PDB file of N, CA and C in Angstrom:
ATOM      1  N   MET A   1       0.838  -1.177   0.001  1.00  0.00           N
ATOM      2  CA  MET A   1      -0.063  -0.016   0.016  1.00  0.00           C
ATOM      3  C   MET A   1       0.842   1.226  -0.027  1.00  0.00           C
ATOM      4  N   GLN A   2       0.515   2.240  -0.772  1.00  0.00           N
ATOM      5  CA  GLN A   2       1.250   3.533  -0.764  1.00  0.00           C
ATOM      6  C   GLN A   2       0.745   4.458   0.257  1.00  0.00           C
ATOM      7  N   SER A   3       1.760   5.079   0.911  1.00  0.00           N
ATOM      8  CA  SER A   3       1.245   6.152   1.957  1.00  0.00           C
ATOM      9  C   SER A   3       0.835   7.423   1.169  1.00  0.00           C
ATOM     10  N   GLU A   4      -0.004   8.187   1.798  1.00  0.00           N
ATOM     11  CA  GLU A   4      -0.446   9.481   1.325  1.00  0.00           C
ATOM     12  C   GLU A   4      -0.044  10.607   2.292  1.00  0.00           C
ATOM     13  N   VAL A   5       0.200  11.732   1.800  1.00  0.00           N
ATOM     14  CA  VAL A   5       0.494  12.924   2.587  1.00  0.00           C
ATOM     15  C   VAL A   5      -0.385  14.035   2.104  1.00  0.00           C
ATOM     16  N   TYR A   6      -1.147  14.658   3.041  1.00  0.00           N
ATOM     17  CA  TYR A   6      -1.933  15.818   2.652  1.00  0.00           C
ATOM     18  C   TYR A   6      -1.151  17.007   2.848  1.00  0.00           C
ATOM     19  N   ALA A   7      -1.160  17.941   1.853  1.00  0.00           N
ATOM     20  CA  ALA A   7      -0.479  19.286   2.024  1.00  0.00           C
ATOM     21  C   ALA A   7      -1.425  20.374   1.570  1.00  0.00           C
ATOM     22  N   ASP A   8      -1.371  21.449   2.219  1.00  0.00           N
ATOM     23  CA  ASP A   8      -2.226  22.597   1.783  1.00  0.00           C
ATOM     24  C   ASP A   8      -1.506  23.457   0.592  1.00  0.00           C
ATOM     25  N   ALA A   9      -0.211  23.387   0.572  1.00  0.00           N
ATOM     26  CA  ALA A   9       0.421  24.236  -0.529  1.00  0.00           C
ATOM     27  C   ALA A   9       1.903  23.700  -0.669  1.00  0.00           C
ATOM     28  N   ILE A  10       2.440  24.207  -1.660  1.00  0.00           N
ATOM     29  CA  ILE A  10       3.943  24.133  -1.912  1.00  0.00           C
ATOM     30  C   ILE A  10       4.520  25.288  -1.091  1.00  0.00           C
ATOM     31  N   GLY A  11       5.433  25.095  -0.092  1.00  0.00           N
ATOM     32  CA  GLY A  11       6.110  26.047   0.644  1.00  0.00           C
ATOM     33  C   GLY A  11       7.136  26.740  -0.091  1.00  0.00           C
ATOM     34  N   GLU A  12       7.988  25.945  -0.709  1.00  0.00           N
ATOM     35  CA  GLU A  12       9.188  26.364  -1.420  1.00  0.00           C
ATOM     36  C   GLU A  12       9.663  25.388  -2.422  1.00  0.00           C
ATOM     37  N   ILE A  13      10.265  25.954  -3.527  1.00  0.00           N
ATOM     38  CA  ILE A  13      10.905  25.125  -4.575  1.00  0.00           C
ATOM     39  C   ILE A  13      12.303  25.625  -4.647  1.00  0.00           C
ATOM     40  N   THR A  14      13.254  24.691  -4.491  1.00  0.00           N
ATOM     41  CA  THR A  14      14.724  25.006  -4.572  1.00  0.00           C
ATOM     42  C   THR A  14      15.327  24.223  -5.680  1.00  0.00           C
ATOM     43  N   VAL A  15      16.115  24.895  -6.557  1.00  0.00           N
ATOM     44  CA  VAL A  15      16.846  24.229  -7.579  1.00  0.00           C
ATOM     45  C   VAL A  15      18.297  24.378  -7.179  1.00  0.00           C
ATOM     46  N   THR A  16      19.046  23.118  -7.173  1.00  0.00           N
ATOM     47  CA  THR A  16      20.446  23.137  -6.951  1.00  0.00           C
ATOM     48  C   THR A  16      21.072  22.206  -8.009  1.00  0.00           C
ATOM     49  N   GLY A  17      21.704  22.869  -8.970  1.00  0.00           N
ATOM     50  CA  GLY A  17      22.270  22.027 -10.042  1.00  0.00           C
ATOM     51  C   GLY A  17      21.138  21.412 -10.930  1.00  0.00           C
ATOM     52  N   THR A  18      21.163  20.181 -11.008  1.00  0.00           N
ATOM     53  CA  THR A  18      20.110  19.422 -11.727  1.00  0.00           C
ATOM     54  C   THR A  18      19.026  18.770 -10.890  1.00  0.00           C
ATOM     55  N   ILE A  19      19.044  19.144  -9.601  1.00  0.00           N
ATOM     56  CA  ILE A  19      18.053  18.601  -8.682  1.00  0.00           C
ATOM     57  C   ILE A  19      17.082  19.665  -8.256  1.00  0.00           C
ATOM     58  N   VAL A  20      15.757  19.386  -8.201  1.00  0.00           N
ATOM     59  CA  VAL A  20      14.688  20.193  -7.741  1.00  0.00           C
ATOM     60  C   VAL A  20      14.160  19.647  -6.448  1.00  0.00           C
ATOM     61  N   ARG A  21      14.093  20.489  -5.444  1.00  0.00           N
ATOM     62  CA  ARG A  21      13.385  20.119  -4.154  1.00  0.00           C
ATOM     63  C   ARG A  21      12.121  20.904  -3.936  1.00  0.00           C
ATOM     64  N   ILE A  22      11.009  20.206  -3.778  1.00  0.00           N
ATOM     65  CA  ILE A  22       9.701  20.792  -3.524  1.00  0.00           C
ATOM     66  C   ILE A  22       9.290  20.551  -2.120  1.00  0.00           C
ATOM     67  N   ASP A  23       9.135  21.515  -1.278  1.00  0.00           N
ATOM     68  CA  ASP A  23       8.705  21.399   0.048  1.00  0.00           C
ATOM     69  C   ASP A  23       7.177  21.563   0.226  1.00  0.00           C
ATOM     70  N   LEU A  24       6.505  20.547   0.621  1.00  0.00           N
ATOM     71  CA  LEU A  24       5.095  20.612   0.815  1.00  0.00           C
ATOM     72  C   LEU A  24       4.796  21.120   2.260  1.00  0.00           C
ATOM     73  N   VAL A  25       3.765  21.933   2.486  1.00  0.00           N
ATOM     74  CA  VAL A  25       3.430  22.439   3.731  1.00  0.00           C
ATOM     75  C   VAL A  25       1.907  22.316   4.051  1.00  0.00           C
ATOM     76  N   SER A  26       1.623  22.175   5.366  1.00  0.00           N
ATOM     77  CA  SER A  26       0.236  22.254   5.823  1.00  0.00           C
ATOM     78  C   SER A  26       0.060  23.200   6.935  1.00  0.00           C
ATOM     79  N   LEU A  27      -1.074  23.701   7.100  1.00  0.00           N
ATOM     80  CA  LEU A  27      -1.368  24.831   8.140  1.00  0.00           C
ATOM     81  C   LEU A  27      -1.284  24.146   9.444  1.00  0.00           C
ATOM     82  N   SER A  28      -0.619  24.855  10.392  1.00  0.00           N
ATOM     83  CA  SER A  28      -0.501  24.266  11.750  1.00  0.00           C
ATOM     84  C   SER A  28      -1.802  24.238  12.492  1.00  0.00           C
ATOM     85  N   ALA A  29      -1.957  23.275  13.310  1.00  0.00           N
ATOM     86  CA  ALA A  29      -3.131  23.247  14.130  1.00  0.00           C
ATOM     87  C   ALA A  29      -2.964  24.092  15.409  1.00  0.00           C
ATOM     88  N   ASN A  30      -1.759  24.334  15.767  1.00  0.00           N
ATOM     89  CA  ASN A  30      -1.474  25.135  16.984  1.00  0.00           C
ATOM     90  C   ASN A  30      -0.733  26.444  16.806  1.00  0.00           C
ATOM     91  N   ALA A  31       0.274  26.464  16.076  1.00  0.00           N
ATOM     92  CA  ALA A  31       1.180  27.681  15.786  1.00  0.00           C
ATOM     93  C   ALA A  31       0.378  28.687  14.991  1.00  0.00           C
ATOM     94  N   ARG A  32       0.494  29.947  15.492  1.00  0.00           N
ATOM     95  CA  ARG A  32      -0.224  31.092  14.856  1.00  0.00           C
ATOM     96  C   ARG A  32       0.818  32.215  14.568  1.00  0.00           C
ATOM     97  N   ASP A  33       0.573  32.993  13.420  1.00  0.00           N
ATOM     98  CA  ASP A  33       1.482  34.131  13.207  1.00  0.00           C
ATOM     99  C   ASP A  33       0.949  35.354  14.059  1.00  0.00           C
ATOM    100  N   GLU A  34       1.537  36.477  13.767  1.00  0.00           N
ATOM    101  CA  GLU A  34       1.197  37.690  14.509  1.00  0.00           C
ATOM    102  C   GLU A  34      -0.229  38.214  14.222  1.00  0.00           C
ATOM    103  N   MET A  35      -0.807  37.727  13.089  1.00  0.00           N
ATOM    104  CA  MET A  35      -2.175  38.104  12.734  1.00  0.00           C
ATOM    105  C   MET A  35      -3.169  37.023  13.166  1.00  0.00           C
ATOM    106  N   GLY A  36      -2.713  35.979  13.907  1.00  0.00           N
ATOM    107  CA  GLY A  36      -3.609  34.911  14.395  1.00  0.00           C
ATOM    108  C   GLY A  36      -3.891  33.923  13.354  1.00  0.00           C
ATOM    109  N   GLN A  37      -3.241  33.884  12.214  1.00  0.00           N
ATOM    110  CA  GLN A  37      -3.510  32.859  11.136  1.00  0.00           C
ATOM    111  C   GLN A  37      -2.587  31.664  11.375  1.00  0.00           C
ATOM    112  N   PRO A  38      -3.025  30.437  11.040  1.00  0.00           N
ATOM    113  CA  PRO A  38      -2.129  29.266  11.094  1.00  0.00           C
ATOM    114  C   PRO A  38      -0.888  29.386  10.348  1.00  0.00           C
ATOM    115  N   GLU A  39       0.217  28.972  10.912  1.00  0.00           N
ATOM    116  CA  GLU A  39       1.537  29.037  10.271  1.00  0.00           C
ATOM    117  C   GLU A  39       1.771  27.789   9.478  1.00  0.00           C
ATOM    118  N   PRO A  40       2.339  27.826   8.355  1.00  0.00           N
ATOM    119  CA  PRO A  40       2.746  26.653   7.538  1.00  0.00           C
ATOM    120  C   PRO A  40       3.719  25.847   8.288  1.00  0.00           C
ATOM    121  N   GLU A  41       3.537  24.491   8.235  1.00  0.00           N
ATOM    122  CA  GLU A  41       4.534  23.440   8.757  1.00  0.00           C
ATOM    123  C   GLU A  41       5.050  22.585   7.628  1.00  0.00           C
ATOM    124  N   HIS A  42       6.266  22.330   7.648  1.00  0.00           N
ATOM    125  CA  HIS A  42       6.767  21.342   6.609  1.00  0.00           C
ATOM    126  C   HIS A  42       6.220  20.088   6.787  1.00  0.00           C
ATOM    127  N   ARG A  43       5.759  19.410   5.742  1.00  0.00           N
ATOM    128  CA  ARG A  43       5.215  18.004   5.810  1.00  0.00           C
ATOM    129  C   ARG A  43       6.064  16.971   5.047  1.00  0.00           C
ATOM    130  N   LEU A  44       6.461  17.359   3.832  1.00  0.00           N
ATOM    131  CA  LEU A  44       7.233  16.408   2.996  1.00  0.00           C
ATOM    132  C   LEU A  44       8.059  17.130   1.975  1.00  0.00           C
ATOM    133  N   ARG A  45       9.191  16.518   1.575  1.00  0.00           N
ATOM    134  CA  ARG A  45      10.030  17.093   0.535  1.00  0.00           C
ATOM    135  C   ARG A  45      10.020  16.160  -0.652  1.00  0.00           C
ATOM    136  N   ILE A  46       9.741  16.645  -1.836  1.00  0.00           N
ATOM    137  CA  ILE A  46       9.858  15.854  -2.989  1.00  0.00           C
ATOM    138  C   ILE A  46      11.129  16.295  -3.768  1.00  0.00           C
ATOM    139  N   VAL A  47      11.974  15.315  -4.125  1.00  0.00           N
ATOM    140  CA  VAL A  47      13.217  15.559  -4.717  1.00  0.00           C
ATOM    141  C   VAL A  47      13.192  14.869  -6.148  1.00  0.00           C
ATOM    142  N   MET A  48      13.416  15.697  -7.132  1.00  0.00           N
ATOM    143  CA  MET A  48      13.376  15.122  -8.511  1.00  0.00           C
ATOM    144  C   MET A  48      14.427  15.807  -9.399  1.00  0.00           C
ATOM    145  N   SER A  49      14.614  15.271 -10.543  1.00  0.00           N
ATOM    146  CA  SER A  49      15.569  15.728 -11.563  1.00  0.00           C
ATOM    147  C   SER A  49      14.837  16.964 -12.285  1.00  0.00           C
ATOM    148  N   LEU A  50      15.641  17.816 -12.929  1.00  0.00           N
ATOM    149  CA  LEU A  50      15.081  18.880 -13.621  1.00  0.00           C
ATOM    150  C   LEU A  50      14.177  18.346 -14.714  1.00  0.00           C
ATOM    151  N   GLU A  51      14.483  17.293 -15.434  1.00  0.00           N
ATOM    152  CA  GLU A  51      13.747  16.700 -16.520  1.00  0.00           C
ATOM    153  C   GLU A  51      12.403  16.301 -15.902  1.00  0.00           C
ATOM    154  N   GLY A  52      12.464  15.556 -14.814  1.00  0.00           N
ATOM    155  CA  GLY A  52      11.190  15.143 -14.151  1.00  0.00           C
ATOM    156  C   GLY A  52      10.268  16.325 -13.697  1.00  0.00           C
ATOM    157  N   PHE A  53      10.895  17.375 -13.153  1.00  0.00           N
ATOM    158  CA  PHE A  53      10.092  18.558 -12.807  1.00  0.00           C
ATOM    159  C   PHE A  53       9.561  19.178 -13.989  1.00  0.00           C
ATOM    160  N   ALA A  54      10.303  19.276 -15.118  1.00  0.00           N
ATOM    161  CA  ALA A  54       9.676  19.894 -16.311  1.00  0.00           C
ATOM    162  C   ALA A  54       8.573  19.063 -16.824  1.00  0.00           C
ATOM    163  N   ASN A  55       8.708  17.732 -16.793  1.00  0.00           N
ATOM    164  CA  ASN A  55       7.543  16.879 -17.251  1.00  0.00           C
ATOM    165  C   ASN A  55       6.359  17.006 -16.299  1.00  0.00           C
ATOM    166  N   SER A  56       6.641  17.186 -14.995  1.00  0.00           N
ATOM    167  CA  SER A  56       5.533  17.262 -14.104  1.00  0.00           C
ATOM    168  C   SER A  56       4.821  18.617 -14.268  1.00  0.00           C
ATOM    169  N   PHE A  57       5.574  19.664 -14.544  1.00  0.00           N
ATOM    170  CA  PHE A  57       5.035  20.978 -14.748  1.00  0.00           C
ATOM    171  C   PHE A  57       3.996  20.906 -15.982  1.00  0.00           C
ATOM    172  N   ASP A  58       4.347  20.188 -16.974  1.00  0.00           N
ATOM    173  CA  ASP A  58       3.439  20.018 -18.206  1.00  0.00           C
ATOM    174  C   ASP A  58       2.090  19.423 -17.744  1.00  0.00           C
ATOM    175  N   VAL A  59       2.307  18.306 -16.987  1.00  0.00           N
ATOM    176  CA  VAL A  59       1.183  17.520 -16.453  1.00  0.00           C
ATOM    177  C   VAL A  59       0.207  18.433 -15.618  1.00  0.00           C
ATOM    178  N   LEU A  60       0.918  19.235 -14.699  1.00  0.00           N
ATOM    179  CA  LEU A  60       0.125  20.069 -13.877  1.00  0.00           C
ATOM    180  C   LEU A  60      -0.572  21.157 -14.557  1.00  0.00           C
ATOM    181  N   ASN A  61       0.112  21.685 -15.633  1.00  0.00           N
ATOM    182  CA  ASN A  61      -0.510  22.795 -16.436  1.00  0.00           C
ATOM    183  C   ASN A  61      -1.757  22.274 -17.148  1.00  0.00           C
ATOM    184  N   LYS A  62      -1.670  21.046 -17.676  1.00  0.00           N
ATOM    185  CA  LYS A  62      -2.814  20.458 -18.382  1.00  0.00           C
ATOM    186  C   LYS A  62      -3.969  20.247 -17.365  1.00  0.00           C
ATOM    187  N   ALA A  63      -3.685  19.830 -16.176  1.00  0.00           N
ATOM    188  CA  ALA A  63      -4.662  19.560 -15.155  1.00  0.00           C
ATOM    189  C   ALA A  63      -5.337  20.909 -14.768  1.00  0.00           C
ATOM    190  N   MET A  64      -4.450  21.964 -14.636  1.00  0.00           N
ATOM    191  CA  MET A  64      -4.977  23.321 -14.308  1.00  0.00           C
ATOM    192  C   MET A  64      -5.945  23.760 -15.414  1.00  0.00           C
ATOM    193  N   ASN A  65      -5.556  23.721 -16.638  1.00  0.00           N
ATOM    194  CA  ASN A  65      -6.417  24.065 -17.694  1.00  0.00           C
ATOM    195  C   ASN A  65      -7.706  23.311 -17.872  1.00  0.00           C
ATOM    196  N   GLY A  66      -7.721  21.996 -17.462  1.00  0.00           N
ATOM    197  CA  GLY A  66      -8.940  21.205 -17.455  1.00  0.00           C
ATOM    198  C   GLY A  66      -9.865  21.711 -16.244  1.00  0.00           C
ATOM    199  N   LEU A  67      -9.271  22.023 -15.126  1.00  0.00           N
ATOM    200  CA  LEU A  67     -10.089  22.564 -14.024  1.00  0.00           C
ATOM    201  C   LEU A  67     -10.690  23.988 -14.359  1.00  0.00           C
ATOM    202  N   ILE A  68      -9.925  24.737 -15.066  1.00  0.00           N
ATOM    203  CA  ILE A  68     -10.449  26.003 -15.469  1.00  0.00           C
ATOM    204  C   ILE A  68     -11.577  25.901 -16.429  1.00  0.00           C
ATOM    205  N   GLU A  69     -11.296  24.999 -17.430  1.00  0.00           N
ATOM    206  CA  GLU A  69     -12.401  24.635 -18.470  1.00  0.00           C
ATOM    207  C   GLU A  69     -13.670  24.119 -17.852  1.00  0.00           C
ATOM    208  N   ALA A  70     -13.582  23.261 -16.748  1.00  0.00           N
ATOM    209  CA  ALA A  70     -14.671  22.692 -16.079  1.00  0.00           C
ATOM    210  C   ALA A  70     -15.318  23.707 -15.161  1.00  0.00           C
ATOM    211  N   GLY A  71     -14.750  24.834 -14.954  1.00  0.00           N
ATOM    212  CA  GLY A  71     -15.380  25.822 -14.008  1.00  0.00           C
ATOM    213  C   GLY A  71     -15.085  25.533 -12.532  1.00  0.00           C
ATOM    214  N   ALA A  72     -14.193  24.721 -12.256  1.00  0.00           N
ATOM    215  CA  ALA A  72     -13.827  24.333 -10.806  1.00  0.00           C
ATOM    216  C   ALA A  72     -13.016  25.471 -10.238  1.00  0.00           C
ATOM    217  N   ILE A  73     -12.179  26.119 -10.959  1.00  0.00           N
ATOM    218  CA  ILE A  73     -11.428  27.283 -10.597  1.00  0.00           C
ATOM    219  C   ILE A  73     -11.498  28.292 -11.607  1.00  0.00           C
ATOM    220  N   ARG A  74     -11.141  29.544 -11.304  1.00  0.00           N
ATOM    221  CA  ARG A  74     -11.118  30.586 -12.175  1.00  0.00           C
ATOM    222  C   ARG A  74      -9.780  31.392 -11.999  1.00  0.00           C
ATOM    223  N   LYS A  75      -9.454  32.331 -12.948  1.00  0.00           N
ATOM    224  CA  LYS A  75      -8.239  33.153 -12.850  1.00  0.00           C
ATOM    225  C   LYS A  75      -8.837  34.547 -12.596  1.00  0.00           C
ATOM    226  N   THR A  76      -8.241  35.309 -11.699  1.00  0.00           N
ATOM    227  CA  THR A  76      -8.643  36.667 -11.505  1.00  0.00           C
ATOM    228  C   THR A  76      -7.868  37.634 -12.532  1.00  0.00           C
ATOM    229  N   GLU A  77      -8.055  38.903 -12.472  1.00  0.00           N
ATOM    230  CA  GLU A  77      -7.345  39.837 -13.383  1.00  0.00           C
ATOM    231  C   GLU A  77      -5.931  39.743 -13.182  1.00  0.00           C
ATOM    232  N   GLN A  78      -5.393  39.426 -11.968  1.00  0.00           N
ATOM    233  CA  GLN A  78      -4.019  39.405 -11.722  1.00  0.00           C
ATOM    234  C   GLN A  78      -3.400  37.980 -11.992  1.00  0.00           C
ATOM    235  N   GLU A  79      -4.058  37.183 -12.593  1.00  0.00           N
ATOM    236  CA  GLU A  79      -3.675  35.892 -12.956  1.00  0.00           C
ATOM    237  C   GLU A  79      -3.461  35.004 -11.740  1.00  0.00           C
ATOM    238  N   VAL A  80      -4.203  35.338 -10.698  1.00  0.00           N
ATOM    239  CA  VAL A  80      -4.116  34.371  -9.511  1.00  0.00           C
ATOM    240  C   VAL A  80      -5.323  33.446  -9.521  1.00  0.00           C
ATOM    241  N   VAL A  81      -5.075  32.092  -9.328  1.00  0.00           N
ATOM    242  CA  VAL A  81      -6.067  31.211  -9.376  1.00  0.00           C
ATOM    243  C   VAL A  81      -6.822  31.111  -8.102  1.00  0.00           C
ATOM    244  N   VAL A  82      -8.224  31.145  -8.275  1.00  0.00           N
ATOM    245  CA  VAL A  82      -8.991  31.146  -7.028  1.00  0.00           C
ATOM    246  C   VAL A  82      -9.944  29.896  -7.098  1.00  0.00           C
ATOM    247  N   PRO A  83     -10.040  29.090  -6.096  1.00  0.00           N
ATOM    248  CA  PRO A  83     -11.025  28.042  -6.055  1.00  0.00           C
ATOM    249  C   PRO A  83     -12.517  28.590  -6.092  1.00  0.00           C
ATOM    250  N   VAL A  84     -13.338  27.939  -6.864  1.00  0.00           N
ATOM    251  CA  VAL A  84     -14.686  28.395  -7.004  1.00  0.00           C
ATOM    252  C   VAL A  84     -15.441  27.480  -6.069  1.00  0.00           C
ATOM    253  N   ARG A  85     -16.229  28.164  -5.107  1.00  0.00           N
ATOM    254  CA  ARG A  85     -16.968  27.472  -4.144  1.00  0.00           C
ATOM    255  C   ARG A  85     -18.423  27.806  -4.316  1.00  0.00           C
ATOM    256  N   PRO A  86     -19.295  26.971  -4.377  1.00  0.00           N
ATOM    257  CA  PRO A  86     -20.772  27.325  -4.407  1.00  0.00           C
ATOM    258  C   PRO A  86     -21.163  28.089  -3.183  1.00  0.00           C
ATOM    259  N   ASN A  87     -21.959  29.035  -3.315  1.00  0.00           N
ATOM    260  CA  ASN A  87     -22.570  29.959  -2.334  1.00  0.00           C
ATOM    261  C   ASN A  87     -21.453  30.611  -1.543  1.00  0.00           C
ATOM    262  N   ALA A  88     -20.301  30.915  -2.128  1.00  0.00           N
ATOM    263  CA  ALA A  88     -19.219  31.668  -1.503  1.00  0.00           C
ATOM    264  C   ALA A  88     -19.698  33.107  -1.198  1.00  0.00           C
ATOM    265  N   SER A  89     -19.213  33.645  -0.249  1.00  0.00           N
ATOM    266  CA  SER A  89     -19.489  35.056   0.047  1.00  0.00           C
ATOM    267  C   SER A  89     -18.818  35.968  -0.963  1.00  0.00           C
ATOM    268  N   ASN A  90     -19.261  37.239  -0.935  1.00  0.00           N
ATOM    269  CA  ASN A  90     -18.742  38.170  -1.892  1.00  0.00           C
ATOM    270  C   ASN A  90     -17.428  38.907  -1.362  1.00  0.00           C
ATOM    271  N   GLY A  91     -16.883  38.371  -0.323  1.00  0.00           N
ATOM    272  CA  GLY A  91     -15.608  38.912   0.312  1.00  0.00           C
ATOM    273  C   GLY A  91     -15.970  39.825   1.453  1.00  0.00           C
ATOM    274  N   ASP A  92     -17.290  40.011   1.852  1.00  0.00           N
ATOM    275  CA  ASP A  92     -17.627  40.865   2.916  1.00  0.00           C
ATOM    276  C   ASP A  92     -17.697  40.141   4.282  1.00  0.00           C
ATOM    277  N   GLY A  93     -16.973  39.015   4.435  1.00  0.00           N
ATOM    278  CA  GLY A  93     -17.050  38.279   5.596  1.00  0.00           C
ATOM    279  C   GLY A  93     -16.653  36.831   5.497  1.00  0.00           C
ATOM    280  N   PRO A  94     -16.804  36.067   6.484  1.00  0.00           N
ATOM    281  CA  PRO A  94     -16.423  34.694   6.312  1.00  0.00           C
ATOM    282  C   PRO A  94     -17.460  33.993   5.347  1.00  0.00           C
ATOM    283  N   ARG A  95     -16.899  32.951   4.720  1.00  0.00           N
ATOM    284  CA  ARG A  95     -17.781  32.126   3.868  1.00  0.00           C
ATOM    285  C   ARG A  95     -18.692  31.282   4.654  1.00  0.00           C
ATOM    286  N   PRO A  96     -19.681  30.618   3.927  1.00  0.00           N
ATOM    287  CA  PRO A  96     -20.704  29.930   4.694  1.00  0.00           C
ATOM    288  C   PRO A  96     -20.270  28.865   5.637  1.00  0.00           C
ATOM    289  N   ASN A  97     -19.037  28.362   5.582  1.00  0.00           N
ATOM    290  CA  ASN A  97     -18.513  27.347   6.470  1.00  0.00           C
ATOM    291  C   ASN A  97     -18.168  27.970   7.845  1.00  0.00           C
ATOM    292  N   GLY A  98     -18.168  29.333   7.954  1.00  0.00           N
ATOM    293  CA  GLY A  98     -17.898  30.009   9.139  1.00  0.00           C
ATOM    294  C   GLY A  98     -16.518  30.048   9.619  1.00  0.00           C
ATOM    295  N   SER A  99     -15.587  29.569   8.877  1.00  0.00           N
ATOM    296  CA  SER A  99     -14.165  29.562   9.271  1.00  0.00           C
ATOM    297  C   SER A  99     -13.553  30.945   8.830  1.00  0.00           C
ATOM    298  N   PRO A 100     -12.862  31.496   9.778  1.00  0.00           N
ATOM    299  CA  PRO A 100     -12.219  32.841   9.347  1.00  0.00           C
ATOM    300  C   PRO A 100     -11.014  32.596   8.524  1.00  0.00           C
ATOM    301  N   ASN A 101     -10.588  31.334   8.341  1.00  0.00           N
ATOM    302  CA  ASN A 101      -9.427  30.844   7.487  1.00  0.00           C
ATOM    303  C   ASN A 101      -9.753  31.058   6.056  1.00  0.00           C
ATOM    304  N   PHE A 102     -11.094  31.149   5.758  1.00  0.00           N
ATOM    305  CA  PHE A 102     -11.487  31.145   4.306  1.00  0.00           C
ATOM    306  C   PHE A 102     -12.302  32.428   4.006  1.00  0.00           C
ATOM    307  N   ALA A 103     -12.087  33.485   4.802  1.00  0.00           N
ATOM    308  CA  ALA A 103     -12.771  34.739   4.465  1.00  0.00           C
ATOM    309  C   ALA A 103     -12.185  35.368   3.313  1.00  0.00           C
TER     310      ALA A 103
END
């Protein structure tokens, strides 16, 4: 059986020579920053060749385009990708789930 790791985001990508290191992060359950938001915590590092990274980028780009075409996500004017959520608020407060993390 393969193990799985959940991550909220990519924290950092470092290229050293022909090696790419991708650090995955998740939001902390306990640690907060000065604004009270959960701090990212390192979860896993993916190490791959430049060729593997380039091939992966192509696969991710195709997946992203498919999600945009399906309406699952959209791009804003600043080319920032935003998840589309049914019944999301207009930005004037927390979303329907009530969590301030998604305001």
